[in-house]
């Protein structure tokens, strides 16, 4: 396969996923340099956003912690790509756990990305019940979102806690979400 063919196949796959509202997998650069990965991501996303603008969806690079990815570990790196692509179908998503993993759980982070923030994951290490780890200060993060006037999606990202009663954990996390993010 040539790089052009690989890129074309990827574009078709991601364009289709955008139409379906599905999300992709993890990010690892492998042997690709940071500069090459950044340039490739910008070029790819610039083309993809042109293709999906009629789908009513957008793509977000969600900054993740260093344990989860080696590309786009910072809200500021995500914002750089969004600004370089310069298309409304490319925006920022934040993740509570990643904000703590990357030492970015601060008002400056939220105010810097505010104009492009369209989605927020409330989660815990190991995707446990919200508030269960004692690591993530959801009340503080909720206050930072309110301070920037954020009124978009806040979603719970959690694994199934109890297979016999799968909604119990969801209810418990939803209650914590309401307490901290409303």
N, C-alpha and C. Protein backbone atom coordinates (compact mmCIF):
# COMPACT_ATOMS: atom_id res chain seq x y z
N UNK A 1 0.84 -1.19 0.00
CA UNK A 1 0.00 0.00 0.00
C UNK A 1 0.88 1.25 0.00
N UNK A 2 0.49 2.21 -0.78
CA UNK A 2 1.20 3.47 -0.81
C UNK A 2 0.65 4.39 0.28
N UNK A 3 1.41 5.40 0.72
CA UNK A 3 0.88 6.35 1.71
C UNK A 3 -0.41 7.03 1.24
N UNK A 4 -0.51 7.32 -0.04
CA UNK A 4 -1.72 7.96 -0.56
C UNK A 4 -2.93 7.03 -0.42
N UNK A 5 -2.74 5.76 -0.73
CA UNK A 5 -3.83 4.80 -0.60
C UNK A 5 -4.23 4.61 0.86
N UNK A 6 -3.24 4.53 1.74
CA UNK A 6 -3.52 4.39 3.17
C UNK A 6 -4.32 5.60 3.66
N UNK A 7 -3.90 6.79 3.27
CA UNK A 7 -4.60 8.01 3.67
C UNK A 7 -6.02 8.03 3.12
N UNK A 8 -6.21 7.64 1.88
CA UNK A 8 -7.54 7.62 1.27
C UNK A 8 -8.46 6.65 1.99
N UNK A 9 -7.94 5.47 2.31
CA UNK A 9 -8.75 4.49 3.04
C UNK A 9 -9.12 5.02 4.43
N UNK A 10 -8.16 5.63 5.09
CA UNK A 10 -8.43 6.22 6.40
C UNK A 10 -9.46 7.32 6.33
N UNK A 11 -9.38 8.14 5.30
CA UNK A 11 -10.33 9.23 5.12
C UNK A 11 -11.74 8.68 4.93
N UNK A 12 -11.88 7.65 4.13
CA UNK A 12 -13.19 7.04 3.92
C UNK A 12 -13.74 6.45 5.22
N UNK A 13 -12.86 5.75 5.96
CA UNK A 13 -13.30 5.13 7.21
C UNK A 13 -13.72 6.18 8.23
N UNK A 14 -12.91 7.22 8.42
CA UNK A 14 -13.26 8.25 9.39
C UNK A 14 -14.45 9.09 8.93
N UNK A 15 -14.55 9.33 7.65
CA UNK A 15 -15.71 10.04 7.14
C UNK A 15 -16.98 9.27 7.42
N UNK A 16 -16.94 7.97 7.24
CA UNK A 16 -18.08 7.11 7.54
C UNK A 16 -18.38 7.13 9.03
N UNK A 17 -17.34 7.03 9.87
CA UNK A 17 -17.56 7.07 11.32
C UNK A 17 -18.16 8.40 11.75
N UNK A 18 -17.76 9.49 11.10
CA UNK A 18 -18.32 10.79 11.45
C UNK A 18 -19.82 10.80 11.18
N UNK A 19 -20.21 10.19 10.09
CA UNK A 19 -21.63 10.12 9.74
C UNK A 19 -22.38 9.32 10.79
N UNK A 20 -21.77 8.28 11.32
CA UNK A 20 -22.41 7.41 12.29
C UNK A 20 -22.24 7.91 13.73
N UNK A 21 -21.38 8.91 13.92
CA UNK A 21 -21.15 9.43 15.26
C UNK A 21 -20.33 8.50 16.14
N UNK A 22 -19.52 7.64 15.54
CA UNK A 22 -18.70 6.70 16.30
C UNK A 22 -17.36 7.32 16.63
N UNK A 23 -16.68 6.73 17.60
CA UNK A 23 -15.37 7.26 17.96
C UNK A 23 -14.28 6.25 17.66
N UNK A 24 -13.09 6.76 17.42
CA UNK A 24 -11.96 5.90 17.05
C UNK A 24 -11.22 5.37 18.26
N UNK A 25 -10.07 4.81 18.03
CA UNK A 25 -9.29 4.19 19.09
C UNK A 25 -8.19 5.08 19.60
N UNK A 26 -7.16 4.48 20.18
CA UNK A 26 -6.08 5.22 20.79
C UNK A 26 -5.11 5.83 19.78
N UNK A 27 -4.15 6.59 20.31
CA UNK A 27 -3.18 7.27 19.46
C UNK A 27 -1.77 6.91 19.91
N UNK A 28 -1.01 6.33 19.01
CA UNK A 28 0.41 6.07 19.24
C UNK A 28 1.16 6.46 17.97
N UNK A 29 2.23 7.23 18.14
CA UNK A 29 3.02 7.69 16.99
C UNK A 29 3.93 6.61 16.45
N UNK A 30 4.36 5.70 17.29
CA UNK A 30 5.33 4.71 16.84
C UNK A 30 6.64 5.39 16.49
N UNK A 31 7.14 5.14 15.27
CA UNK A 31 8.41 5.71 14.83
C UNK A 31 8.28 7.10 14.23
N UNK A 32 7.09 7.64 14.18
CA UNK A 32 6.86 8.95 13.56
C UNK A 32 7.26 10.05 14.55
N UNK A 33 7.99 11.04 14.08
CA UNK A 33 8.40 12.16 14.95
C UNK A 33 7.17 12.98 15.33
N UNK A 34 7.29 13.74 16.42
CA UNK A 34 6.18 14.61 16.84
C UNK A 34 5.81 15.60 15.76
N UNK A 35 6.82 16.22 15.12
CA UNK A 35 6.54 17.19 14.06
C UNK A 35 5.82 16.56 12.88
N UNK A 36 6.27 15.37 12.49
CA UNK A 36 5.62 14.68 11.37
C UNK A 36 4.19 14.27 11.74
N UNK A 37 3.99 13.80 12.98
CA UNK A 37 2.65 13.41 13.43
C UNK A 37 1.73 14.63 13.46
N UNK A 38 2.25 15.75 13.96
CA UNK A 38 1.46 16.98 14.01
C UNK A 38 1.08 17.43 12.59
N UNK A 39 2.06 17.49 11.71
CA UNK A 39 1.79 17.91 10.33
C UNK A 39 0.81 16.98 9.64
N UNK A 40 0.98 15.68 9.84
CA UNK A 40 0.07 14.71 9.24
C UNK A 40 -1.34 14.83 9.80
N UNK A 41 -1.44 15.04 11.11
CA UNK A 41 -2.75 15.18 11.74
C UNK A 41 -3.47 16.42 11.22
N UNK A 42 -2.75 17.52 11.11
CA UNK A 42 -3.36 18.75 10.61
C UNK A 42 -3.82 18.58 9.17
N UNK A 43 -2.96 18.03 8.31
CA UNK A 43 -3.34 17.83 6.91
C UNK A 43 -4.52 16.89 6.78
N UNK A 44 -4.48 15.79 7.52
CA UNK A 44 -5.56 14.81 7.47
C UNK A 44 -6.87 15.40 7.96
N UNK A 45 -6.83 16.07 9.11
CA UNK A 45 -8.05 16.63 9.68
C UNK A 45 -8.59 17.79 8.84
N UNK A 46 -7.71 18.55 8.22
CA UNK A 46 -8.18 19.63 7.34
C UNK A 46 -8.99 19.07 6.18
N UNK A 47 -8.49 17.97 5.61
CA UNK A 47 -9.23 17.34 4.51
C UNK A 47 -10.51 16.68 5.03
N UNK A 48 -10.42 15.99 6.15
CA UNK A 48 -11.58 15.29 6.69
C UNK A 48 -12.70 16.27 7.07
N UNK A 49 -12.35 17.38 7.69
CA UNK A 49 -13.39 18.33 8.10
C UNK A 49 -14.15 18.88 6.89
N UNK A 50 -13.46 19.03 5.77
CA UNK A 50 -14.15 19.47 4.55
C UNK A 50 -15.17 18.42 4.11
N UNK A 51 -14.82 17.15 4.28
CA UNK A 51 -15.70 16.07 3.85
C UNK A 51 -16.90 15.88 4.76
N UNK A 52 -16.75 16.19 6.06
CA UNK A 52 -17.83 15.90 7.02
C UNK A 52 -18.68 17.11 7.36
N UNK A 53 -18.39 18.27 6.83
CA UNK A 53 -19.10 19.45 7.29
C UNK A 53 -20.61 19.36 7.11
N UNK A 54 -21.09 18.56 6.20
CA UNK A 54 -22.53 18.40 6.02
C UNK A 54 -23.14 17.31 6.89
N UNK A 55 -22.33 16.62 7.70
CA UNK A 55 -22.83 15.51 8.50
C UNK A 55 -23.42 15.95 9.84
N UNK A 56 -23.16 17.17 10.25
CA UNK A 56 -23.65 17.63 11.54
C UNK A 56 -22.83 17.10 12.71
N UNK A 57 -21.59 16.71 12.45
CA UNK A 57 -20.71 16.22 13.51
C UNK A 57 -19.41 17.01 13.49
N UNK A 58 -18.63 16.80 14.52
CA UNK A 58 -17.28 17.36 14.53
C UNK A 58 -16.34 16.35 15.16
N UNK A 59 -15.08 16.51 14.88
CA UNK A 59 -14.04 15.68 15.48
C UNK A 59 -13.34 16.49 16.55
N UNK A 60 -12.93 15.80 17.59
CA UNK A 60 -12.17 16.41 18.68
C UNK A 60 -10.96 15.54 18.96
N UNK A 61 -9.81 16.17 19.15
CA UNK A 61 -8.67 15.47 19.69
C UNK A 61 -8.75 15.63 21.20
N UNK A 62 -8.97 14.53 21.88
CA UNK A 62 -9.07 14.54 23.33
C UNK A 62 -7.67 14.34 23.90
N UNK A 63 -7.12 15.33 24.57
CA UNK A 63 -5.82 15.12 25.21
C UNK A 63 -5.93 14.01 26.25
N UNK A 64 -4.99 13.12 26.23
CA UNK A 64 -4.96 12.00 27.18
C UNK A 64 -3.65 12.04 27.95
N UNK A 65 -3.59 11.28 29.02
CA UNK A 65 -2.38 11.22 29.82
C UNK A 65 -1.28 10.44 29.14
N UNK A 66 -0.05 10.56 29.62
CA UNK A 66 1.10 9.89 29.01
C UNK A 66 1.01 8.36 29.04
N UNK A 67 0.23 7.81 29.94
CA UNK A 67 0.03 6.35 29.97
C UNK A 67 -0.86 5.89 28.82
N UNK A 68 -1.69 6.81 28.32
CA UNK A 68 -2.71 6.46 27.32
C UNK A 68 -2.33 6.80 25.89
N UNK A 69 -1.39 7.73 25.70
CA UNK A 69 -1.00 8.12 24.35
C UNK A 69 0.36 8.82 24.38
N UNK A 70 0.99 8.87 23.23
CA UNK A 70 2.23 9.64 23.10
C UNK A 70 2.05 10.78 22.09
N UNK A 71 0.81 11.12 21.82
CA UNK A 71 0.51 12.20 20.87
C UNK A 71 -0.72 12.95 21.36
N UNK A 72 -0.57 14.24 21.56
CA UNK A 72 -1.58 15.15 22.07
C UNK A 72 -1.91 14.80 23.53
N UNK A 73 -0.95 15.11 24.38
CA UNK A 73 -1.11 14.90 25.82
C UNK A 73 -1.59 16.16 26.52
N UNK A 74 -1.79 17.22 25.81
CA UNK A 74 -2.10 18.49 26.45
C UNK A 74 -3.29 19.15 25.77
N UNK A 75 -4.11 19.80 26.59
CA UNK A 75 -5.21 20.59 26.03
C UNK A 75 -4.68 21.66 25.08
N UNK A 76 -3.50 22.17 25.39
CA UNK A 76 -2.90 23.22 24.56
C UNK A 76 -2.44 22.66 23.21
N UNK A 77 -1.95 21.41 23.20
CA UNK A 77 -1.58 20.75 21.94
C UNK A 77 -2.82 20.49 21.09
N UNK A 78 -3.89 20.07 21.73
CA UNK A 78 -5.14 19.85 21.01
C UNK A 78 -5.63 21.16 20.39
N UNK A 79 -5.55 22.23 21.15
CA UNK A 79 -5.98 23.53 20.66
C UNK A 79 -5.12 24.00 19.49
N UNK A 80 -3.82 23.72 19.52
CA UNK A 80 -2.94 24.07 18.39
C UNK A 80 -3.43 23.43 17.10
N UNK A 81 -3.81 22.15 17.17
CA UNK A 81 -4.30 21.45 15.99
C UNK A 81 -5.63 22.05 15.54
N UNK A 82 -6.51 22.32 16.47
CA UNK A 82 -7.80 22.93 16.14
C UNK A 82 -7.59 24.26 15.42
N UNK A 83 -6.69 25.07 15.92
CA UNK A 83 -6.43 26.37 15.29
C UNK A 83 -5.77 26.22 13.92
N UNK A 84 -4.89 25.23 13.78
CA UNK A 84 -4.23 25.01 12.49
C UNK A 84 -5.22 24.51 11.45
N UNK A 85 -6.14 23.63 11.84
CA UNK A 85 -7.15 23.12 10.91
C UNK A 85 -8.14 24.23 10.56
N UNK A 86 -8.49 25.04 11.55
CA UNK A 86 -9.33 26.22 11.35
C UNK A 86 -10.64 25.88 10.63
N UNK A 87 -11.40 24.95 11.20
CA UNK A 87 -12.68 24.55 10.64
C UNK A 87 -13.62 24.24 11.80
N UNK A 88 -14.88 24.64 11.73
CA UNK A 88 -15.80 24.40 12.84
C UNK A 88 -16.05 22.92 13.14
N UNK A 89 -15.70 22.03 12.24
CA UNK A 89 -15.86 20.58 12.47
C UNK A 89 -14.67 19.98 13.22
N UNK A 90 -13.76 20.81 13.68
CA UNK A 90 -12.59 20.35 14.47
C UNK A 90 -12.57 21.17 15.75
N UNK A 91 -12.79 20.50 16.89
CA UNK A 91 -12.91 21.21 18.16
C UNK A 91 -12.15 20.47 19.26
N UNK A 92 -12.30 20.92 20.50
CA UNK A 92 -11.58 20.38 21.64
C UNK A 92 -12.53 19.62 22.55
N UNK A 93 -12.03 18.52 23.07
CA UNK A 93 -12.71 17.75 24.11
C UNK A 93 -11.75 17.63 25.27
N UNK A 94 -12.24 17.80 26.48
CA UNK A 94 -11.41 17.61 27.67
C UNK A 94 -11.88 16.38 28.43
N UNK A 95 -11.00 15.85 29.24
CA UNK A 95 -11.21 14.61 29.97
C UNK A 95 -10.69 14.84 31.40
N UNK A 96 -11.54 14.62 32.39
CA UNK A 96 -11.17 14.89 33.78
C UNK A 96 -9.89 14.18 34.20
N UNK A 97 -9.81 12.88 33.95
CA UNK A 97 -8.63 12.11 34.35
C UNK A 97 -7.38 12.65 33.66
N UNK A 98 -7.48 12.93 32.36
CA UNK A 98 -6.33 13.43 31.61
C UNK A 98 -5.89 14.80 32.12
N UNK A 99 -6.85 15.64 32.52
CA UNK A 99 -6.48 16.95 33.07
C UNK A 99 -5.59 16.79 34.30
N UNK A 100 -5.91 15.81 35.14
CA UNK A 100 -5.07 15.56 36.31
C UNK A 100 -3.78 14.86 35.93
N UNK A 101 -3.85 13.89 35.02
CA UNK A 101 -2.63 13.20 34.57
C UNK A 101 -1.61 14.16 33.97
N UNK A 102 -2.10 15.20 33.30
CA UNK A 102 -1.24 16.14 32.58
C UNK A 102 -1.00 17.44 33.37
N UNK A 103 -1.40 17.47 34.62
CA UNK A 103 -1.26 18.67 35.46
C UNK A 103 -1.88 19.90 34.80
N UNK A 104 -3.06 19.72 34.21
CA UNK A 104 -3.75 20.82 33.53
C UNK A 104 -5.11 21.14 34.14
N UNK A 105 -5.40 20.61 35.31
CA UNK A 105 -6.67 20.88 35.97
C UNK A 105 -6.59 22.26 36.62
N UNK A 106 -6.62 23.30 35.78
CA UNK A 106 -6.44 24.67 36.25
C UNK A 106 -7.33 25.62 35.44
N UNK A 107 -7.75 26.72 36.05
CA UNK A 107 -8.59 27.68 35.33
C UNK A 107 -7.98 28.15 34.01
N UNK A 108 -6.65 28.30 33.95
CA UNK A 108 -5.99 28.76 32.72
C UNK A 108 -6.28 27.81 31.55
N UNK A 109 -6.26 26.51 31.82
CA UNK A 109 -6.54 25.53 30.77
C UNK A 109 -7.94 25.74 30.21
N UNK A 110 -8.90 25.84 31.11
CA UNK A 110 -10.29 25.99 30.69
C UNK A 110 -10.53 27.30 29.94
N UNK A 111 -9.97 28.39 30.43
CA UNK A 111 -10.17 29.67 29.75
C UNK A 111 -9.49 29.70 28.39
N UNK A 112 -8.36 29.01 28.26
CA UNK A 112 -7.64 29.00 26.99
C UNK A 112 -8.40 28.23 25.91
N UNK A 113 -9.02 27.11 26.28
CA UNK A 113 -9.72 26.29 25.27
C UNK A 113 -11.21 26.62 25.17
N UNK A 114 -11.71 27.52 25.98
CA UNK A 114 -13.15 27.76 26.10
C UNK A 114 -13.87 27.94 24.76
N UNK A 115 -13.31 28.71 23.86
CA UNK A 115 -13.99 29.00 22.59
C UNK A 115 -14.14 27.77 21.70
N UNK A 116 -13.36 26.73 21.96
CA UNK A 116 -13.39 25.54 21.11
C UNK A 116 -13.82 24.27 21.85
N UNK A 117 -14.18 24.40 23.12
CA UNK A 117 -14.55 23.24 23.92
C UNK A 117 -16.00 22.86 23.63
N UNK A 118 -16.20 21.63 23.13
CA UNK A 118 -17.54 21.18 22.79
C UNK A 118 -17.96 19.90 23.52
N UNK A 119 -17.03 19.29 24.23
CA UNK A 119 -17.37 18.05 24.93
C UNK A 119 -16.41 17.87 26.10
N UNK A 120 -16.94 17.28 27.16
CA UNK A 120 -16.15 17.08 28.38
C UNK A 120 -16.49 15.71 28.96
N UNK A 121 -15.46 14.91 29.26
CA UNK A 121 -15.64 13.61 29.90
C UNK A 121 -15.40 13.74 31.39
N UNK A 122 -16.40 13.42 32.18
CA UNK A 122 -16.23 13.28 33.63
C UNK A 122 -15.91 11.80 33.86
N UNK A 123 -14.73 11.52 34.38
CA UNK A 123 -14.32 10.13 34.57
C UNK A 123 -13.32 10.01 35.71
N UNK A 124 -12.94 8.78 35.98
CA UNK A 124 -12.02 8.44 37.06
C UNK A 124 -10.96 7.49 36.52
N UNK A 125 -9.83 7.38 37.19
CA UNK A 125 -8.86 6.34 36.81
C UNK A 125 -9.55 4.97 36.83
N UNK A 126 -9.29 4.18 35.81
CA UNK A 126 -9.90 2.86 35.71
C UNK A 126 -11.38 2.90 35.35
N UNK A 127 -11.88 4.08 35.01
CA UNK A 127 -13.29 4.26 34.65
C UNK A 127 -14.22 3.77 35.76
N UNK A 128 -13.82 4.04 37.00
CA UNK A 128 -14.61 3.68 38.17
C UNK A 128 -15.75 4.68 38.37
N UNK A 129 -16.52 4.51 39.46
CA UNK A 129 -17.60 5.43 39.80
C UNK A 129 -17.05 6.83 39.98
N UNK A 130 -17.78 7.82 39.51
CA UNK A 130 -17.34 9.21 39.69
C UNK A 130 -17.19 9.51 41.17
N UNK A 131 -16.07 10.12 41.51
CA UNK A 131 -15.80 10.50 42.88
C UNK A 131 -15.19 9.41 43.74
N UNK A 132 -15.00 8.22 43.19
CA UNK A 132 -14.55 7.09 44.01
C UNK A 132 -13.05 7.04 44.24
N UNK A 133 -12.26 7.66 43.39
CA UNK A 133 -10.80 7.51 43.52
C UNK A 133 -10.18 8.48 44.51
N UNK A 134 -10.83 9.61 44.72
CA UNK A 134 -10.23 10.65 45.54
C UNK A 134 -9.13 11.40 44.80
N UNK A 135 -8.88 11.05 43.54
CA UNK A 135 -7.84 11.67 42.73
C UNK A 135 -8.37 12.86 41.94
N UNK A 136 -9.59 12.74 41.46
CA UNK A 136 -10.18 13.76 40.58
C UNK A 136 -11.12 14.64 41.40
N UNK A 137 -10.89 15.93 41.39
CA UNK A 137 -11.74 16.87 42.11
C UNK A 137 -12.82 17.37 41.14
N UNK A 138 -13.90 16.61 41.03
CA UNK A 138 -14.96 16.95 40.09
C UNK A 138 -15.65 18.26 40.45
N UNK A 139 -15.77 18.57 41.73
CA UNK A 139 -16.40 19.84 42.12
C UNK A 139 -15.59 21.02 41.58
N UNK A 140 -14.28 20.95 41.70
CA UNK A 140 -13.42 22.03 41.18
C UNK A 140 -13.51 22.11 39.66
N UNK A 141 -13.50 20.95 38.99
CA UNK A 141 -13.59 20.95 37.53
C UNK A 141 -14.94 21.49 37.06
N UNK A 142 -16.00 21.11 37.75
CA UNK A 142 -17.32 21.65 37.43
C UNK A 142 -17.35 23.16 37.58
N UNK A 143 -16.72 23.67 38.64
CA UNK A 143 -16.67 25.12 38.84
C UNK A 143 -15.90 25.81 37.72
N UNK A 144 -14.81 25.17 37.26
CA UNK A 144 -14.04 25.76 36.16
C UNK A 144 -14.85 25.79 34.86
N UNK A 145 -15.64 24.76 34.62
CA UNK A 145 -16.51 24.76 33.44
C UNK A 145 -17.57 25.87 33.56
N UNK A 146 -18.17 26.00 34.72
CA UNK A 146 -19.17 27.07 34.91
C UNK A 146 -18.53 28.45 34.74
N UNK A 147 -17.31 28.61 35.25
CA UNK A 147 -16.62 29.90 35.16
C UNK A 147 -16.39 30.37 33.72
N UNK A 148 -16.26 29.41 32.79
CA UNK A 148 -16.06 29.81 31.39
C UNK A 148 -17.39 29.83 30.61
N UNK A 149 -18.49 29.59 31.31
CA UNK A 149 -19.80 29.61 30.65
C UNK A 149 -20.06 28.39 29.79
N UNK A 150 -19.39 27.28 30.08
CA UNK A 150 -19.56 26.07 29.28
C UNK A 150 -20.98 25.54 29.43
N UNK A 151 -21.64 25.31 28.29
CA UNK A 151 -23.01 24.80 28.31
C UNK A 151 -23.22 23.66 27.31
N UNK A 152 -22.16 22.95 27.02
CA UNK A 152 -22.23 21.84 26.07
C UNK A 152 -22.28 20.51 26.83
N UNK A 153 -21.83 19.45 26.20
CA UNK A 153 -21.96 18.11 26.75
C UNK A 153 -20.95 17.83 27.87
N UNK A 154 -21.45 17.24 28.95
CA UNK A 154 -20.63 16.64 29.99
C UNK A 154 -21.10 15.19 30.06
N UNK A 155 -20.22 14.27 29.71
CA UNK A 155 -20.60 12.86 29.66
C UNK A 155 -19.82 12.07 30.69
N UNK A 156 -20.48 11.07 31.24
CA UNK A 156 -19.82 10.15 32.16
C UNK A 156 -19.14 9.08 31.33
N UNK A 157 -17.87 8.85 31.61
CA UNK A 157 -17.12 7.79 30.95
C UNK A 157 -16.75 6.79 32.05
N UNK A 158 -17.41 5.63 32.02
CA UNK A 158 -17.28 4.68 33.12
C UNK A 158 -17.46 3.26 32.61
N UNK A 159 -16.78 2.34 33.23
CA UNK A 159 -16.97 0.92 32.89
C UNK A 159 -18.18 0.39 33.66
N UNK A 160 -18.66 -0.80 33.26
CA UNK A 160 -19.75 -1.42 34.01
C UNK A 160 -19.20 -1.87 35.36
N UNK A 161 -19.83 -1.43 36.42
CA UNK A 161 -19.37 -1.72 37.77
C UNK A 161 -19.94 -3.05 38.27
N UNK A 162 -21.21 -3.29 37.96
CA UNK A 162 -21.88 -4.49 38.46
C UNK A 162 -22.74 -5.07 37.34
N UNK A 163 -22.33 -6.20 36.79
CA UNK A 163 -23.06 -6.81 35.68
C UNK A 163 -24.48 -7.24 36.08
N UNK A 164 -24.69 -7.54 37.35
CA UNK A 164 -26.03 -7.95 37.80
C UNK A 164 -26.97 -6.76 37.96
N UNK A 165 -26.41 -5.60 38.18
CA UNK A 165 -27.22 -4.39 38.34
C UNK A 165 -26.49 -3.24 37.65
N UNK A 166 -26.43 -3.25 36.31
CA UNK A 166 -25.59 -2.30 35.58
C UNK A 166 -25.98 -0.84 35.75
N UNK A 167 -27.23 -0.56 36.03
CA UNK A 167 -27.66 0.84 36.15
C UNK A 167 -27.37 1.45 37.52
N UNK A 168 -27.11 0.63 38.52
CA UNK A 168 -26.84 1.17 39.85
C UNK A 168 -25.61 2.08 39.84
N UNK A 169 -24.53 1.63 39.22
CA UNK A 169 -23.32 2.45 39.14
C UNK A 169 -23.53 3.70 38.32
N UNK A 170 -24.30 3.57 37.26
CA UNK A 170 -24.61 4.74 36.43
C UNK A 170 -25.38 5.77 37.24
N UNK A 171 -26.38 5.30 38.00
CA UNK A 171 -27.16 6.23 38.85
C UNK A 171 -26.28 6.93 39.87
N UNK A 172 -25.39 6.17 40.48
CA UNK A 172 -24.50 6.74 41.50
C UNK A 172 -23.59 7.81 40.88
N UNK A 173 -23.02 7.50 39.72
CA UNK A 173 -22.16 8.47 39.05
C UNK A 173 -22.97 9.67 38.56
N UNK A 174 -24.17 9.42 38.07
CA UNK A 174 -25.02 10.53 37.60
C UNK A 174 -25.34 11.49 38.75
N UNK A 175 -25.56 10.94 39.94
CA UNK A 175 -25.83 11.80 41.10
C UNK A 175 -24.60 12.66 41.41
N UNK A 176 -23.42 12.06 41.37
CA UNK A 176 -22.18 12.81 41.63
C UNK A 176 -21.97 13.87 40.53
N UNK A 177 -22.27 13.51 39.30
CA UNK A 177 -22.17 14.47 38.20
C UNK A 177 -23.06 15.67 38.45
N UNK A 178 -24.30 15.43 38.84
CA UNK A 178 -25.24 16.53 39.11
C UNK A 178 -24.73 17.42 40.23
N UNK A 179 -24.19 16.81 41.27
CA UNK A 179 -23.68 17.58 42.42
C UNK A 179 -22.50 18.46 42.03
N UNK A 180 -21.66 17.98 41.15
CA UNK A 180 -20.41 18.67 40.85
C UNK A 180 -20.45 19.55 39.60
N UNK A 181 -21.26 19.20 38.63
CA UNK A 181 -21.20 19.88 37.34
C UNK A 181 -22.44 20.72 37.03
N UNK A 182 -23.47 20.67 37.86
CA UNK A 182 -24.67 21.47 37.59
C UNK A 182 -24.51 22.90 38.03
